[in-house]
Amino acid sequence: MNPLSASVPLFVIPSLPEVYTSSKKHSFKVIENSPITQITALFFYRKTVPQLLTPSLSGSFPVGHTSFVVKGPKNLIGIDIYSPTQKVKGAELLEYTLYPGHPFSPIAKRFTTQSFENLCPIEDKKFPVILLSHGFGFEPGDYRPLCEELSSHGFVVLALCHPFSAAYSSFDHTTEIDELPGHKVAAKQAKDIAYILSSGLSQKGTAFKALSQIADFNKAYLLGHGLGGTASLLAAGKTSIKGCINIDGFWEEESFTHPLLTLISKQKQIPSLPLEEEKDTLFARERLEKIHHNAPSSKLHFPREAGYDDFLIQPFLEQALGKKTRSPLLHEVLKPILDFLE
């Protein structure tokens, strides 16, 4: 056997205590158990190099990323910004970092994102804004592939973190997930959205200054998933926006005054929700049709075979591990959104 044929795994899965040092781990496998082969392997093993987790972005703009925290009327609000940016010479793509306890956080740093750590404004250019509100038990990082894609097509995406309904909040460890009925939690998220659009971004700081140079808030859209979808629909009535995108959010009313896109997954009920009332279940198709009949420029879309979270980051991580349980369906959701935004 040729000792140089020792194979090297693409990556190893470290134990949980090693999460923050995993990117410096090395691994090799010795085929033939002999001193010569072992010594040869020591010279020929290679480092684990972070790889892109998602396909190349379909838009034309490089994407910059930063994050900060805003003090709201009732709670802190986290904001992840994704923006079209100038590519800075020597800049490297950011590594993935998932919150502690996320089932895939041990391997996240094996992969790079599609965004750079900067907001370098493109001269004399401002872009429409999308405010994204996460679903119950999710957090902004789960939506990173979608945010990066939207930003590459010329949008500044503000992904909000609502600490009372997020899976994890790095800035507020004292807040526990609310166990209120879903529609009441959605109402709290709607207040966060309305505050950010009305006065939350008037605070001082470097990030706010950069945001004012790149974001055109006269062309703002709301986008929400699950409870975030409901929150976006609620907030739309209290803000001046160009349109709303609702992914699997429930809604009691039978009318809507803004352009509306609703995407409904093949899943019939919102998961992991503190359901206490019948109205917290996903709304019936008949009601959806009434809403869209009364909303201007509306569209109801059913992505092909897309489940509740098939467009988030987890399917990409499962695929990277060789699991064949499902395929990432990001573009099944992205295409109708981009069509709506045009």
C-alpha atoms as a PDB file:
ATOM      1  CA  MET A   1       0.000   0.000   0.000  1.00  0.00           C
ATOM      2  CA  ASN A   2       1.278   3.440  -0.902  1.00  0.00           C
ATOM      3  CA  PRO A   3       1.806   5.392   2.327  1.00  0.00           C
ATOM      4  CA  LEU A   4       1.085   8.624   0.504  1.00  0.00           C
ATOM      5  CA  SER A   5      -2.482   7.504  -0.130  1.00  0.00           C
ATOM      6  CA  ALA A   6      -3.512   8.282   3.419  1.00  0.00           C
ATOM      7  CA  SER A   7      -6.862  10.050   3.138  1.00  0.00           C
ATOM      8  CA  VAL A   8      -7.758  13.266   4.880  1.00  0.00           C
ATOM      9  CA  PRO A   9     -11.332  13.898   6.019  1.00  0.00           C
ATOM     10  CA  LEU A  10     -12.883  17.150   4.861  1.00  0.00           C
ATOM     11  CA  PHE A  11     -13.676  18.060   8.456  1.00  0.00           C
ATOM     12  CA  VAL A  12     -14.165  16.491  11.875  1.00  0.00           C
ATOM     13  CA  ILE A  13     -16.997  17.124  14.298  1.00  0.00           C
ATOM     14  CA  PRO A  14     -15.450  18.362  17.546  1.00  0.00           C
ATOM     15  CA  SER A  15     -17.071  17.882  20.922  1.00  0.00           C
ATOM     16  CA  LEU A  16     -19.148  20.767  22.244  1.00  0.00           C
ATOM     17  CA  PRO A  17     -16.459  22.166  24.593  1.00  0.00           C
ATOM     18  CA  GLU A  18     -14.208  22.622  21.541  1.00  0.00           C
ATOM     19  CA  VAL A  19     -16.631  24.819  19.618  1.00  0.00           C
ATOM     20  CA  TYR A  20     -14.508  27.958  19.772  1.00  0.00           C
ATOM     21  CA  THR A  21     -11.227  26.281  18.806  1.00  0.00           C
ATOM     22  CA  SER A  22     -12.535  23.914  16.163  1.00  0.00           C
ATOM     23  CA  SER A  23     -11.322  25.985  13.203  1.00  0.00           C
ATOM     24  CA  LYS A  24      -7.719  25.295  14.222  1.00  0.00           C
ATOM     25  CA  LYS A  25      -8.156  21.518  14.441  1.00  0.00           C
ATOM     26  CA  HIS A  26      -6.354  19.247  12.013  1.00  0.00           C
ATOM     27  CA  SER A  27      -7.280  15.715  11.088  1.00  0.00           C
ATOM     28  CA  PHE A  28      -5.884  12.834   9.079  1.00  0.00           C
ATOM     29  CA  LYS A  29      -6.510   9.116   8.854  1.00  0.00           C
ATOM     30  CA  VAL A  30      -3.682   6.563   8.639  1.00  0.00           C
ATOM     31  CA  ILE A  31      -4.521   3.674   6.345  1.00  0.00           C
ATOM     32  CA  GLU A  32      -1.644   1.381   7.197  1.00  0.00           C
ATOM     33  CA  ASN A  33      -0.613   1.109  10.829  1.00  0.00           C
ATOM     34  CA  SER A  34       3.177   1.264  10.502  1.00  0.00           C
ATOM     35  CA  PRO A  35       5.751   3.760  11.802  1.00  0.00           C
ATOM     36  CA  ILE A  36       6.706   4.832   8.266  1.00  0.00           C
ATOM     37  CA  THR A  37       3.110   5.474   7.272  1.00  0.00           C
ATOM     38  CA  GLN A  38       2.414   7.387  10.466  1.00  0.00           C
ATOM     39  CA  ILE A  39       5.472   9.626   9.973  1.00  0.00           C
ATOM     40  CA  THR A  40       4.550  10.204   6.319  1.00  0.00           C
ATOM     41  CA  ALA A  41       1.017  11.135   7.302  1.00  0.00           C
ATOM     42  CA  LEU A  42       2.324  13.677   9.788  1.00  0.00           C
ATOM     43  CA  PHE A  43       4.111  15.478   6.930  1.00  0.00           C
ATOM     44  CA  PHE A  44       1.286  15.231   4.411  1.00  0.00           C
ATOM     45  CA  TYR A  45      -1.832  16.004   6.463  1.00  0.00           C
ATOM     46  CA  ARG A  46      -3.567  19.221   5.532  1.00  0.00           C
ATOM     47  CA  LYS A  47      -5.382  21.865   7.531  1.00  0.00           C
ATOM     48  CA  THR A  48      -9.129  22.128   7.459  1.00  0.00           C
ATOM     49  CA  VAL A  49      -9.835  25.134   5.254  1.00  0.00           C
ATOM     50  CA  PRO A  50     -13.190  26.882   5.669  1.00  0.00           C
ATOM     51  CA  GLN A  51     -15.403  26.366   2.625  1.00  0.00           C
ATOM     52  CA  LEU A  52     -18.441  28.158   1.270  1.00  0.00           C
ATOM     53  CA  LEU A  53     -21.580  26.650   2.734  1.00  0.00           C
ATOM     54  CA  THR A  54     -24.044  28.064   0.198  1.00  0.00           C
ATOM     55  CA  PRO A  55     -23.818  28.446  -3.600  1.00  0.00           C
ATOM     56  CA  SER A  56     -22.405  31.648  -5.080  1.00  0.00           C
ATOM     57  CA  LEU A  57     -24.729  34.601  -4.704  1.00  0.00           C
ATOM     58  CA  SER A  58     -27.083  35.143  -7.626  1.00  0.00           C
ATOM     59  CA  GLY A  59     -26.958  38.946  -7.393  1.00  0.00           C
ATOM     60  CA  SER A  60     -24.224  41.241  -8.676  1.00  0.00           C
ATOM     61  CA  PHE A  61     -23.268  43.081  -5.472  1.00  0.00           C
ATOM     62  CA  PRO A  62     -20.694  41.969  -2.879  1.00  0.00           C
ATOM     63  CA  VAL A  63     -22.314  41.878   0.573  1.00  0.00           C
ATOM     64  CA  GLY A  64     -21.079  43.564   3.738  1.00  0.00           C
ATOM     65  CA  HIS A  65     -22.264  42.676   7.230  1.00  0.00           C
ATOM     66  CA  THR A  66     -22.245  44.229  10.676  1.00  0.00           C
ATOM     67  CA  SER A  67     -24.470  44.130  13.758  1.00  0.00           C
ATOM     68  CA  PHE A  68     -25.443  46.343  16.659  1.00  0.00           C
ATOM     69  CA  VAL A  69     -28.069  46.720  19.376  1.00  0.00           C
ATOM     70  CA  VAL A  70     -30.778  49.373  19.686  1.00  0.00           C
ATOM     71  CA  LYS A  71     -32.471  50.328  22.939  1.00  0.00           C
ATOM     72  CA  GLY A  72     -36.209  50.050  22.309  1.00  0.00           C
ATOM     73  CA  PRO A  73     -39.076  51.359  24.484  1.00  0.00           C
ATOM     74  CA  LYS A  74     -39.546  47.989  26.240  1.00  0.00           C
ATOM     75  CA  ASN A  75     -36.505  45.871  25.358  1.00  0.00           C
ATOM     76  CA  LEU A  76     -33.227  45.781  23.501  1.00  0.00           C
ATOM     77  CA  ILE A  77     -33.432  44.971  19.777  1.00  0.00           C
ATOM     78  CA  GLY A  78     -30.572  43.334  17.915  1.00  0.00           C
ATOM     79  CA  ILE A  79     -29.983  44.233  14.268  1.00  0.00           C
ATOM     80  CA  ASP A  80     -27.860  42.369  11.740  1.00  0.00           C
ATOM     81  CA  ILE A  81     -27.202  44.520   8.669  1.00  0.00           C
ATOM     82  CA  TYR A  82     -26.510  43.045   5.240  1.00  0.00           C
ATOM     83  CA  SER A  83     -25.761  45.609   2.569  1.00  0.00           C
ATOM     84  CA  PRO A  84     -24.402  45.922  -0.962  1.00  0.00           C
ATOM     85  CA  THR A  85     -20.837  47.052  -0.465  1.00  0.00           C
ATOM     86  CA  GLN A  86     -17.596  47.847  -2.183  1.00  0.00           C
ATOM     87  CA  LYS A  87     -15.221  44.930  -1.978  1.00  0.00           C
ATOM     88  CA  VAL A  88     -12.211  45.989   0.075  1.00  0.00           C
ATOM     89  CA  LYS A  89      -8.866  44.673  -1.130  1.00  0.00           C
ATOM     90  CA  GLY A  90      -7.690  41.811   1.070  1.00  0.00           C
ATOM     91  CA  ALA A  91     -11.048  41.428   2.819  1.00  0.00           C
ATOM     92  CA  GLU A  92     -12.002  37.850   3.659  1.00  0.00           C
ATOM     93  CA  LEU A  93     -15.427  36.293   3.895  1.00  0.00           C
ATOM     94  CA  LEU A  94     -16.677  35.872   7.441  1.00  0.00           C
ATOM     95  CA  GLU A  95     -16.827  32.455   9.084  1.00  0.00           C
ATOM     96  CA  TYR A  96     -20.152  31.112  10.270  1.00  0.00           C
ATOM     97  CA  THR A  97     -20.801  31.506  13.977  1.00  0.00           C
ATOM     98  CA  LEU A  98     -23.949  29.959  15.388  1.00  0.00           C
ATOM     99  CA  TYR A  99     -25.202  30.532  18.909  1.00  0.00           C
ATOM    100  CA  PRO A 100     -24.020  28.203  21.728  1.00  0.00           C
ATOM    101  CA  GLY A 101     -26.291  25.180  21.908  1.00  0.00           C
ATOM    102  CA  HIS A 102     -27.284  25.289  18.234  1.00  0.00           C
ATOM    103  CA  PRO A 103     -27.152  21.678  17.009  1.00  0.00           C
ATOM    104  CA  PHE A 104     -24.686  22.638  14.263  1.00  0.00           C
ATOM    105  CA  SER A 105     -22.524  25.163  16.134  1.00  0.00           C
ATOM    106  CA  PRO A 106     -19.628  22.671  16.537  1.00  0.00           C
ATOM    107  CA  ILE A 107     -19.056  22.588  12.769  1.00  0.00           C
ATOM    108  CA  ALA A 108     -20.208  26.076  11.767  1.00  0.00           C
ATOM    109  CA  LYS A 109     -16.711  27.568  11.646  1.00  0.00           C
ATOM    110  CA  ARG A 110     -15.730  25.010   9.053  1.00  0.00           C
ATOM    111  CA  PHE A 111     -17.664  27.141   6.583  1.00  0.00           C
ATOM    112  CA  THR A 112     -17.566  30.716   5.368  1.00  0.00           C
ATOM    113  CA  THR A 113     -20.509  32.992   4.765  1.00  0.00           C
ATOM    114  CA  GLN A 114     -21.089  35.024   1.601  1.00  0.00           C
ATOM    115  CA  SER A 115     -20.482  38.363   3.314  1.00  0.00           C
ATOM    116  CA  PHE A 116     -17.559  40.550   4.347  1.00  0.00           C
ATOM    117  CA  GLU A 117     -17.045  42.275   7.673  1.00  0.00           C
ATOM    118  CA  ASN A 118     -17.608  45.809   6.518  1.00  0.00           C
ATOM    119  CA  LEU A 119     -20.182  48.318   5.346  1.00  0.00           C
ATOM    120  CA  CYS A 120     -18.293  50.231   2.684  1.00  0.00           C
ATOM    121  CA  PRO A 121     -20.866  52.511   1.026  1.00  0.00           C
ATOM    122  CA  ILE A 122     -21.015  52.586  -2.742  1.00  0.00           C
ATOM    123  CA  GLU A 123     -20.559  56.214  -3.738  1.00  0.00           C
ATOM    124  CA  ASP A 124     -23.778  58.144  -4.436  1.00  0.00           C
ATOM    125  CA  LYS A 125     -25.867  55.002  -4.110  1.00  0.00           C
ATOM    126  CA  LYS A 126     -28.661  54.191  -1.674  1.00  0.00           C
ATOM    127  CA  PHE A 127     -30.643  50.965  -1.659  1.00  0.00           C
ATOM    128  CA  PRO A 128     -34.182  49.937  -0.672  1.00  0.00           C
ATOM    129  CA  VAL A 129     -34.543  48.489   2.826  1.00  0.00           C
ATOM    130  CA  ILE A 130     -35.985  45.160   3.981  1.00  0.00           C
ATOM    131  CA  LEU A 131     -36.744  44.633   7.675  1.00  0.00           C
ATOM    132  CA  LEU A 132     -36.764  40.928   8.508  1.00  0.00           C
ATOM    133  CA  SER A 133     -38.558  39.607  11.590  1.00  0.00           C
ATOM    134  CA  HIS A 134     -37.699  36.044  12.646  1.00  0.00           C
ATOM    135  CA  GLY A 135     -40.049  33.239  13.576  1.00  0.00           C
ATOM    136  CA  PHE A 136     -40.707  32.010  17.112  1.00  0.00           C
ATOM    137  CA  GLY A 137     -37.687  30.098  18.420  1.00  0.00           C
ATOM    138  CA  PHE A 138     -35.435  31.191  15.536  1.00  0.00           C
ATOM    139  CA  GLU A 139     -32.809  33.958  15.437  1.00  0.00           C
ATOM    140  CA  PRO A 140     -31.344  36.197  12.705  1.00  0.00           C
ATOM    141  CA  GLY A 141     -28.434  33.851  11.934  1.00  0.00           C
ATOM    142  CA  ASP A 142     -30.892  31.209  10.727  1.00  0.00           C
ATOM    143  CA  TYR A 143     -31.846  33.548   7.865  1.00  0.00           C
ATOM    144  CA  ARG A 144     -28.323  34.507   6.792  1.00  0.00           C
ATOM    145  CA  PRO A 145     -28.399  32.749   3.382  1.00  0.00           C
ATOM    146  CA  LEU A 146     -31.630  34.566   2.485  1.00  0.00           C
ATOM    147  CA  CYS A 147     -30.339  37.923   3.775  1.00  0.00           C
ATOM    148  CA  GLU A 148     -27.110  37.628   1.797  1.00  0.00           C
ATOM    149  CA  GLU A 149     -28.977  36.733  -1.374  1.00  0.00           C
ATOM    150  CA  LEU A 150     -31.389  39.651  -1.060  1.00  0.00           C
ATOM    151  CA  SER A 151     -28.543  42.045  -0.349  1.00  0.00           C
ATOM    152  CA  SER A 152     -26.612  40.840  -3.406  1.00  0.00           C
ATOM    153  CA  HIS A 153     -29.598  41.976  -5.488  1.00  0.00           C
ATOM    154  CA  GLY A 154     -29.406  45.539  -4.193  1.00  0.00           C
ATOM    155  CA  PHE A 155     -31.238  45.640  -0.849  1.00  0.00           C
ATOM    156  CA  VAL A 156     -30.135  46.654   2.628  1.00  0.00           C
ATOM    157  CA  VAL A 157     -31.496  43.925   4.905  1.00  0.00           C
ATOM    158  CA  LEU A 158     -32.010  44.600   8.611  1.00  0.00           C
ATOM    159  CA  ALA A 159     -32.554  41.268  10.372  1.00  0.00           C
ATOM    160  CA  LEU A 160     -34.040  41.981  13.792  1.00  0.00           C
ATOM    161  CA  CYS A 161     -33.500  39.923  16.927  1.00  0.00           C
ATOM    162  CA  HIS A 162     -36.475  39.988  19.300  1.00  0.00           C
ATOM    163  CA  PRO A 163     -34.964  38.655  22.580  1.00  0.00           C
ATOM    164  CA  PHE A 164     -38.324  37.556  24.021  1.00  0.00           C
ATOM    165  CA  SER A 165     -39.009  35.151  21.131  1.00  0.00           C
ATOM    166  CA  ALA A 166     -35.549  34.294  19.761  1.00  0.00           C
ATOM    167  CA  ALA A 167     -33.718  31.020  20.214  1.00  0.00           C
ATOM    168  CA  TYR A 168     -30.724  32.990  21.464  1.00  0.00           C
ATOM    169  CA  SER A 169     -29.834  36.589  22.220  1.00  0.00           C
ATOM    170  CA  SER A 170     -26.170  37.517  22.714  1.00  0.00           C
ATOM    171  CA  PHE A 171     -27.072  40.914  24.169  1.00  0.00           C
ATOM    172  CA  ASP A 172     -29.906  40.060  26.584  1.00  0.00           C
ATOM    173  CA  HIS A 173     -29.522  36.865  28.614  1.00  0.00           C
ATOM    174  CA  THR A 174     -32.130  37.932  31.170  1.00  0.00           C
ATOM    175  CA  THR A 175     -35.072  37.704  28.787  1.00  0.00           C
ATOM    176  CA  GLU A 176     -36.838  34.356  28.527  1.00  0.00           C
ATOM    177  CA  ILE A 177     -38.964  33.308  25.583  1.00  0.00           C
ATOM    178  CA  ASP A 178     -42.528  34.441  26.160  1.00  0.00           C
ATOM    179  CA  GLU A 179     -45.133  31.767  26.800  1.00  0.00           C
ATOM    180  CA  LEU A 180     -47.966  34.022  25.726  1.00  0.00           C
ATOM    181  CA  PRO A 181     -50.377  33.048  22.944  1.00  0.00           C
ATOM    182  CA  GLY A 182     -48.718  33.420  19.570  1.00  0.00           C
ATOM    183  CA  HIS A 183     -50.693  36.462  18.445  1.00  0.00           C
ATOM    184  CA  LYS A 184     -49.632  38.397  21.565  1.00  0.00           C
ATOM    185  CA  VAL A 185     -45.950  37.611  21.017  1.00  0.00           C
ATOM    186  CA  ALA A 186     -46.389  38.695  17.392  1.00  0.00           C
ATOM    187  CA  ALA A 187     -47.850  42.006  18.612  1.00  0.00           C
ATOM    188  CA  LYS A 188     -44.691  42.599  20.689  1.00  0.00           C
ATOM    189  CA  GLN A 189     -42.502  41.885  17.663  1.00  0.00           C
ATOM    190  CA  ALA A 190     -44.626  44.300  15.626  1.00  0.00           C
ATOM    191  CA  LYS A 191     -43.841  47.062  18.125  1.00  0.00           C
ATOM    192  CA  ASP A 192     -40.121  46.405  17.658  1.00  0.00           C
ATOM    193  CA  ILE A 193     -40.518  46.690  13.881  1.00  0.00           C
ATOM    194  CA  ALA A 194     -42.546  49.898  14.072  1.00  0.00           C
ATOM    195  CA  TYR A 195     -40.059  51.447  16.486  1.00  0.00           C
ATOM    196  CA  ILE A 196     -37.057  50.681  14.257  1.00  0.00           C
ATOM    197  CA  LEU A 197     -38.771  52.231  11.245  1.00  0.00           C
ATOM    198  CA  SER A 198     -40.014  55.304  13.101  1.00  0.00           C
ATOM    199  CA  SER A 199     -37.235  56.369  15.456  1.00  0.00           C
ATOM    200  CA  GLY A 200     -34.991  53.464  16.400  1.00  0.00           C
ATOM    201  CA  LEU A 201     -32.355  54.261  13.797  1.00  0.00           C
ATOM    202  CA  SER A 202     -31.935  57.880  14.837  1.00  0.00           C
ATOM    203  CA  GLN A 203     -29.503  56.885  17.573  1.00  0.00           C
ATOM    204  CA  LYS A 204     -25.873  57.939  17.297  1.00  0.00           C
ATOM    205  CA  GLY A 205     -22.962  55.708  16.398  1.00  0.00           C
ATOM    206  CA  THR A 206     -20.702  54.629  13.555  1.00  0.00           C
ATOM    207  CA  ALA A 207     -23.069  51.907  12.338  1.00  0.00           C
ATOM    208  CA  PHE A 208     -25.988  54.337  12.238  1.00  0.00           C
ATOM    209  CA  LYS A 209     -23.961  56.830  10.230  1.00  0.00           C
ATOM    210  CA  ALA A 210     -22.975  54.164   7.707  1.00  0.00           C
ATOM    211  CA  LEU A 211     -26.575  52.993   7.499  1.00  0.00           C
ATOM    212  CA  SER A 212     -27.793  56.497   6.683  1.00  0.00           C
ATOM    213  CA  GLN A 213     -25.408  56.557   3.729  1.00  0.00           C
ATOM    214  CA  ILE A 214     -26.594  53.297   2.182  1.00  0.00           C
ATOM    215  CA  ALA A 215     -30.253  52.837   3.120  1.00  0.00           C
ATOM    216  CA  ASP A 216     -33.254  54.491   1.480  1.00  0.00           C
ATOM    217  CA  PHE A 217     -35.997  54.221   4.106  1.00  0.00           C
ATOM    218  CA  ASN A 218     -38.499  55.789   1.726  1.00  0.00           C
ATOM    219  CA  LYS A 219     -38.407  52.400  -0.026  1.00  0.00           C
ATOM    220  CA  ALA A 220     -38.871  50.047   2.906  1.00  0.00           C
ATOM    221  CA  TYR A 221     -40.365  46.551   2.856  1.00  0.00           C
ATOM    222  CA  LEU A 222     -41.266  44.213   5.689  1.00  0.00           C
ATOM    223  CA  LEU A 223     -40.462  40.500   5.558  1.00  0.00           C
ATOM    224  CA  GLY A 224     -41.399  38.036   8.267  1.00  0.00           C
ATOM    225  CA  HIS A 225     -41.432  34.295   8.890  1.00  0.00           C
ATOM    226  CA  GLY A 226     -43.981  32.535  11.096  1.00  0.00           C
ATOM    227  CA  LEU A 227     -44.666  34.840  14.027  1.00  0.00           C
ATOM    228  CA  GLY A 228     -42.435  37.362  12.290  1.00  0.00           C
ATOM    229  CA  GLY A 229     -44.794  37.218   9.319  1.00  0.00           C
ATOM    230  CA  THR A 230     -47.729  38.037  11.550  1.00  0.00           C
ATOM    231  CA  ALA A 231     -45.711  40.780  13.234  1.00  0.00           C
ATOM    232  CA  SER A 232     -44.860  42.288   9.848  1.00  0.00           C
ATOM    233  CA  LEU A 233     -48.523  42.319   8.827  1.00  0.00           C
ATOM    234  CA  LEU A 234     -49.434  44.011  12.114  1.00  0.00           C
ATOM    235  CA  ALA A 235     -46.622  46.564  11.880  1.00  0.00           C
ATOM    236  CA  ALA A 236     -47.495  47.441   8.283  1.00  0.00           C
ATOM    237  CA  GLY A 237     -50.592  49.297   9.435  1.00  0.00           C
ATOM    238  CA  LYS A 238     -48.486  51.547  11.671  1.00  0.00           C
ATOM    239  CA  THR A 239     -45.674  52.350   9.262  1.00  0.00           C
ATOM    240  CA  SER A 240     -45.078  53.753   5.808  1.00  0.00           C
ATOM    241  CA  ILE A 241     -43.817  50.894   3.649  1.00  0.00           C
ATOM    242  CA  LYS A 242     -43.767  49.840   0.009  1.00  0.00           C
ATOM    243  CA  GLY A 243     -44.960  46.279   0.635  1.00  0.00           C
ATOM    244  CA  CYS A 244     -44.985  43.271   2.919  1.00  0.00           C
ATOM    245  CA  ILE A 245     -43.752  39.681   2.495  1.00  0.00           C
ATOM    246  CA  ASN A 246     -45.330  37.113   4.792  1.00  0.00           C
ATOM    247  CA  ILE A 247     -43.910  33.578   5.014  1.00  0.00           C
ATOM    248  CA  ASP A 248     -46.237  31.248   6.927  1.00  0.00           C
ATOM    249  CA  GLY A 249     -47.621  33.937   9.206  1.00  0.00           C
ATOM    250  CA  PHE A 250     -51.214  33.808  10.466  1.00  0.00           C
ATOM    251  CA  TRP A 251     -53.601  36.739  10.078  1.00  0.00           C
ATOM    252  CA  GLU A 252     -57.098  37.342  11.403  1.00  0.00           C
ATOM    253  CA  GLU A 253     -58.204  40.190   9.211  1.00  0.00           C
ATOM    254  CA  GLU A 254     -59.712  39.849   5.746  1.00  0.00           C
ATOM    255  CA  SER A 255     -58.123  42.949   4.233  1.00  0.00           C
ATOM    256  CA  PHE A 256     -54.692  44.516   3.865  1.00  0.00           C
ATOM    257  CA  THR A 257     -53.818  47.963   2.576  1.00  0.00           C
ATOM    258  CA  HIS A 258     -50.285  47.397   1.212  1.00  0.00           C
ATOM    259  CA  PRO A 259     -48.913  45.300  -1.638  1.00  0.00           C
ATOM    260  CA  LEU A 260     -48.610  41.806  -0.198  1.00  0.00           C
ATOM    261  CA  LEU A 261     -46.819  38.571  -1.007  1.00  0.00           C
ATOM    262  CA  THR A 262     -47.656  35.510   1.067  1.00  0.00           C
ATOM    263  CA  LEU A 263     -45.701  32.266   0.794  1.00  0.00           C
ATOM    264  CA  ILE A 264     -47.196  29.165   2.367  1.00  0.00           C
ATOM    265  CA  SER A 265     -45.136  26.048   2.976  1.00  0.00           C
ATOM    266  CA  LYS A 266     -46.402  22.505   2.687  1.00  0.00           C
ATOM    267  CA  GLN A 267     -46.534  22.301   6.480  1.00  0.00           C
ATOM    268  CA  LYS A 268     -50.066  22.802   7.728  1.00  0.00           C
ATOM    269  CA  GLN A 269     -49.302  24.183  11.179  1.00  0.00           C
ATOM    270  CA  ILE A 270     -46.688  26.468  12.688  1.00  0.00           C
ATOM    271  CA  PRO A 271     -44.320  24.355  14.841  1.00  0.00           C
ATOM    272  CA  SER A 272     -42.988  25.095  18.328  1.00  0.00           C
ATOM    273  CA  LEU A 273     -45.608  27.715  19.043  1.00  0.00           C
ATOM    274  CA  PRO A 274     -47.290  28.167  22.459  1.00  0.00           C
ATOM    275  CA  LEU A 275     -50.716  27.477  21.017  1.00  0.00           C
ATOM    276  CA  GLU A 276     -53.538  28.373  23.376  1.00  0.00           C
ATOM    277  CA  GLU A 277     -56.233  29.537  21.034  1.00  0.00           C
ATOM    278  CA  GLU A 278     -57.590  28.235  17.749  1.00  0.00           C
ATOM    279  CA  LYS A 279     -56.674  31.477  15.974  1.00  0.00           C
ATOM    280  CA  ASP A 280     -52.976  30.756  16.599  1.00  0.00           C
ATOM    281  CA  THR A 281     -52.991  27.989  13.996  1.00  0.00           C
ATOM    282  CA  LEU A 282     -52.083  28.686  10.397  1.00  0.00           C
ATOM    283  CA  PHE A 283     -54.974  30.428   8.662  1.00  0.00           C
ATOM    284  CA  ALA A 284     -57.214  28.649   6.206  1.00  0.00           C
ATOM    285  CA  ARG A 285     -56.804  29.082   2.461  1.00  0.00           C
ATOM    286  CA  GLU A 286     -60.231  30.696   2.195  1.00  0.00           C
ATOM    287  CA  ARG A 287     -59.171  33.541   4.476  1.00  0.00           C
ATOM    288  CA  LEU A 288     -55.901  33.921   2.604  1.00  0.00           C
ATOM    289  CA  GLU A 289     -57.782  34.324  -0.637  1.00  0.00           C
ATOM    290  CA  LYS A 290     -59.981  37.037   0.902  1.00  0.00           C
ATOM    291  CA  ILE A 291     -56.948  38.930   2.192  1.00  0.00           C
ATOM    292  CA  HIS A 292     -55.262  38.845  -1.184  1.00  0.00           C
ATOM    293  CA  HIS A 293     -58.457  39.741  -3.008  1.00  0.00           C
ATOM    294  CA  ASN A 294     -58.613  42.974  -0.997  1.00  0.00           C
ATOM    295  CA  ALA A 295     -54.884  43.814  -0.963  1.00  0.00           C
ATOM    296  CA  PRO A 296     -53.353  45.846  -3.806  1.00  0.00           C
ATOM    297  CA  SER A 297     -50.729  44.136  -5.975  1.00  0.00           C
ATOM    298  CA  SER A 298     -50.969  40.944  -3.971  1.00  0.00           C
ATOM    299  CA  LYS A 299     -49.790  37.437  -4.714  1.00  0.00           C
ATOM    300  CA  LEU A 300     -50.288  34.113  -2.958  1.00  0.00           C
ATOM    301  CA  HIS A 301     -47.504  31.620  -3.618  1.00  0.00           C
ATOM    302  CA  PHE A 302     -46.962  27.991  -2.625  1.00  0.00           C
ATOM    303  CA  PRO A 303     -43.241  27.125  -3.058  1.00  0.00           C
ATOM    304  CA  ARG A 304     -42.750  23.664  -4.534  1.00  0.00           C
ATOM    305  CA  GLU A 305     -42.271  21.087  -1.777  1.00  0.00           C
ATOM    306  CA  ALA A 306     -40.835  23.729   0.563  1.00  0.00           C
ATOM    307  CA  GLY A 307     -41.277  23.004   4.263  1.00  0.00           C
ATOM    308  CA  TYR A 308     -41.506  25.542   7.079  1.00  0.00           C
ATOM    309  CA  ASP A 309     -37.724  26.024   7.480  1.00  0.00           C
ATOM    310  CA  ASP A 310     -36.308  24.519   4.274  1.00  0.00           C
ATOM    311  CA  PHE A 311     -35.088  27.939   3.109  1.00  0.00           C
ATOM    312  CA  LEU A 312     -33.047  28.617   6.273  1.00  0.00           C
ATOM    313  CA  ILE A 313     -29.463  27.665   7.102  1.00  0.00           C
ATOM    314  CA  GLN A 314     -30.089  24.221   8.600  1.00  0.00           C
ATOM    315  CA  PRO A 315     -30.703  22.312   5.332  1.00  0.00           C
ATOM    316  CA  PHE A 316     -27.353  23.600   4.017  1.00  0.00           C
ATOM    317  CA  LEU A 317     -25.600  22.327   7.140  1.00  0.00           C
ATOM    318  CA  GLU A 318     -27.355  18.969   6.880  1.00  0.00           C
ATOM    319  CA  GLN A 319     -26.295  18.710   3.257  1.00  0.00           C
ATOM    320  CA  ALA A 320     -22.677  19.528   4.180  1.00  0.00           C
ATOM    321  CA  LEU A 321     -22.729  16.623   6.621  1.00  0.00           C
ATOM    322  CA  GLY A 322     -23.923  14.271   3.913  1.00  0.00           C
ATOM    323  CA  LYS A 323     -27.455  13.941   5.251  1.00  0.00           C
ATOM    324  CA  LYS A 324     -30.026  13.378   2.522  1.00  0.00           C
ATOM    325  CA  THR A 325     -33.145  14.054   4.564  1.00  0.00           C
ATOM    326  CA  ARG A 326     -33.994  17.194   2.564  1.00  0.00           C
ATOM    327  CA  SER A 327     -32.507  19.679   0.128  1.00  0.00           C
ATOM    328  CA  PRO A 328     -32.086  23.425   0.721  1.00  0.00           C
ATOM    329  CA  LEU A 329     -34.922  25.231  -1.014  1.00  0.00           C
ATOM    330  CA  LEU A 330     -33.693  28.792  -0.597  1.00  0.00           C
ATOM    331  CA  HIS A 331     -34.242  29.688  -4.260  1.00  0.00           C
ATOM    332  CA  GLU A 332     -37.808  28.337  -4.186  1.00  0.00           C
ATOM    333  CA  VAL A 333     -38.519  31.172  -1.749  1.00  0.00           C
ATOM    334  CA  LEU A 334     -36.057  33.734  -3.131  1.00  0.00           C
ATOM    335  CA  LYS A 335     -37.444  33.890  -6.677  1.00  0.00           C
ATOM    336  CA  PRO A 336     -41.028  34.940  -5.824  1.00  0.00           C
ATOM    337  CA  ILE A 337     -39.663  37.459  -3.321  1.00  0.00           C
ATOM    338  CA  LEU A 338     -37.407  39.082  -5.910  1.00  0.00           C
ATOM    339  CA  ASP A 339     -40.253  39.083  -8.444  1.00  0.00           C
ATOM    340  CA  PHE A 340     -42.433  40.873  -5.889  1.00  0.00           C
ATOM    341  CA  LEU A 341     -39.746  43.435  -5.072  1.00  0.00           C
ATOM    342  CA  GLU A 342     -39.148  44.426  -8.687  1.00  0.00           C
END
